[in-house]
Structures are given as C-alpha cells and as structure tokens.
Amino acid sequence: MSPMDATNLLDAATDLPDAWSSRVVGQVGTARVKVLRMDGLPVEVERHDAPEALLVLDGHLALEVDGRPVPVEAGEVYVVPAGTPHAVRPGSRGTLVIVETDGPASPGADSAR
C-alpha cells in the first residue's frame, strides 16, 4: 500500500486470522494505529506506561477501567490514562481501533468518552 492509499479498517479487521490479534495500519509520529476484531471473550487486566485511545468502529466494548465499568459504543472513543489498570469484560464484539505509543504520558492528557 502506498502512503496515498486509504485503509478500510473494517476490512483490515475482518482479514485478521484471529480475534484480539491486532494489525498496525499506520504510524503518526510515535503513535501506532492498530485495528482488531473483538469476539465476545474477555481480556485480562493490563496497564501501559502511556495513554491508550480505544475507538469502537462498530459493535460494543465492555471496558473496565480501574475496577469500574465503562461501556464504549460504536462511534465513541475512550482514552485510558497512563498506568491505569483496564480490562475487557465478556460480551465485547465488533471492530476496535487502538492508538498507542511507547512513550510516557503527555502532560494534561485526559480520558475522553
């Protein structure tokens, strides 16, 4: 794919061999843009050194952030603050876009829903 081609994120997720296996579809500065397919199964608690943006393209993400439920619906984005424990609860289905970096959190970063 050339830098001038658009990526159909729904097709990219459908083409993945397994649910919850992500594919990097682009890079913006130090941020990676990944797409994956959710299949209803949960994902254990994790935390990252930098904030992570979770954008639901279609379906529903049953997110748990720092022990509290945070439902994220199609068309919504949630930014998990750096160092915050989060997990995916059972029932999450659809297409998820993740924007992540390896760097430290930027000052003033807020979670958005």
Protein backbone atom coordinates (compact mmCIF):
# COMPACT_ATOMS: atom_id res chain seq x y z
CA MET A 1 0.00 0.00 0.00
CA SER A 2 1.36 3.44 -0.87
CA PRO A 3 1.15 6.43 1.51
CA MET A 4 -1.67 7.80 -0.68
CA ASP A 5 -3.95 4.75 -0.29
CA ALA A 6 -6.77 4.74 2.25
CA THR A 7 -7.19 1.76 4.56
CA ASN A 8 -10.61 0.24 5.11
CA LEU A 9 -10.42 -0.56 8.81
CA LEU A 10 -13.43 -2.89 8.79
CA ASP A 11 -11.87 -4.97 6.01
CA ALA A 12 -8.49 -4.96 7.79
CA ALA A 13 -10.13 -6.33 10.96
CA THR A 14 -12.11 -8.95 9.03
CA ASP A 15 -8.91 -10.14 7.34
CA LEU A 16 -7.15 -10.84 10.65
CA PRO A 17 -6.65 -14.55 11.35
CA ASP A 18 -7.78 -14.35 14.99
CA ALA A 19 -9.85 -12.10 17.21
CA TRP A 20 -7.78 -9.88 19.53
CA SER A 21 -4.77 -10.12 17.21
CA SER A 22 -4.09 -6.59 16.06
CA ARG A 23 -2.63 -5.20 12.86
CA VAL A 24 -0.76 -1.90 12.67
CA VAL A 25 -2.38 0.11 9.88
CA GLY A 26 -0.40 3.32 10.28
CA GLN A 27 2.06 5.37 12.26
CA VAL A 28 1.68 9.05 13.21
CA GLY A 29 4.81 10.34 14.89
CA THR A 30 5.45 7.91 17.73
CA ALA A 31 1.83 6.69 17.77
CA ARG A 32 0.79 3.41 16.19
CA VAL A 33 -2.74 2.99 14.85
CA LYS A 34 -3.92 -0.62 15.20
CA VAL A 35 -7.13 -2.40 14.32
CA LEU A 36 -8.54 -5.61 15.75
CA ARG A 37 -11.69 -7.67 15.90
CA MET A 38 -13.41 -8.32 19.25
CA ASP A 39 -15.15 -11.70 19.61
CA GLY A 40 -17.04 -11.57 22.90
CA LEU A 41 -14.28 -13.10 25.02
CA PRO A 42 -12.69 -11.14 27.86
CA VAL A 43 -9.13 -9.79 28.03
CA GLU A 44 -7.30 -9.77 31.37
CA VAL A 45 -6.28 -6.62 33.22
CA GLU A 46 -3.36 -4.73 31.73
CA ARG A 47 -1.75 -1.32 32.12
CA HIS A 48 0.59 0.75 29.95
CA ASP A 49 3.22 3.44 30.54
CA ALA A 50 1.47 5.79 28.10
CA PRO A 51 -2.20 6.63 27.48
CA GLU A 52 -4.08 4.46 25.00
CA ALA A 53 -7.02 5.58 22.85
CA LEU A 54 -9.73 2.98 22.19
CA LEU A 55 -12.14 3.80 19.34
CA VAL A 56 -15.07 1.46 18.66
CA LEU A 57 -15.90 1.49 14.93
CA ASP A 58 -18.78 -0.94 15.20
CA GLY A 59 -20.20 -3.07 17.97
CA HIS A 60 -19.62 -2.53 21.69
CA LEU A 61 -16.60 -2.53 24.03
CA ALA A 62 -17.40 -3.57 27.61
CA LEU A 63 -14.38 -1.92 29.17
CA GLU A 64 -13.49 -1.95 32.85
CA VAL A 65 -11.20 0.88 33.97
CA ASP A 66 -9.69 0.86 37.45
CA GLY A 67 -12.42 -1.55 38.57
CA ARG A 68 -15.43 0.37 37.19
CA PRO A 69 -17.46 -0.46 34.06
CA VAL A 70 -17.01 1.90 31.11
CA PRO A 71 -19.22 0.95 28.16
CA VAL A 72 -17.90 2.28 24.86
CA GLU A 73 -20.32 2.17 21.93
CA ALA A 74 -19.83 2.40 18.15
CA GLY A 75 -18.56 5.84 17.22
CA GLU A 76 -17.17 6.54 20.71
CA VAL A 77 -13.59 6.79 21.91
CA TYR A 78 -12.17 6.34 25.40
CA VAL A 79 -8.63 7.31 26.38
CA VAL A 80 -7.20 5.12 29.12
CA PRO A 81 -4.80 7.22 31.21
CA ALA A 82 -1.20 6.01 31.54
CA GLY A 83 -0.70 3.45 34.29
CA THR A 84 -4.43 2.79 34.74
CA PRO A 85 -5.48 -0.85 35.04
CA HIS A 86 -8.08 -1.80 32.45
CA ALA A 87 -9.68 -4.99 31.13
CA VAL A 88 -12.21 -6.08 28.56
CA ARG A 89 -15.26 -7.79 30.01
CA PRO A 90 -17.14 -10.60 28.26
CA GLY A 91 -19.54 -9.55 25.51
CA SER A 92 -17.31 -7.09 23.65
CA ARG A 93 -17.87 -7.53 19.89
CA GLY A 94 -17.05 -5.55 16.79
CA THR A 95 -14.12 -3.59 15.44
CA LEU A 96 -11.73 -1.69 17.68
CA VAL A 97 -9.06 0.85 16.73
CA ILE A 98 -6.24 1.37 19.23
CA VAL A 99 -3.86 4.34 19.15
CA GLU A 100 -0.81 3.76 21.34
CA THR A 101 2.75 4.92 21.92
CA ASP A 102 5.67 3.52 23.86
CA GLY A 103 6.48 6.92 25.33
CA PRO A 104 5.49 8.50 28.61
CA ALA A 105 2.13 10.18 29.07
CA SER A 106 1.92 13.72 27.81
CA PRO A 107 1.14 16.43 30.38
CA GLY A 108 -2.54 17.26 30.67
CA ALA A 109 -3.74 14.06 28.98
CA ASP A 110 -7.37 13.40 29.90
CA SER A 111 -9.64 10.46 29.30
CA ALA A 112 -12.42 11.19 26.85
CA ARG A 113 -15.64 9.38 26.29
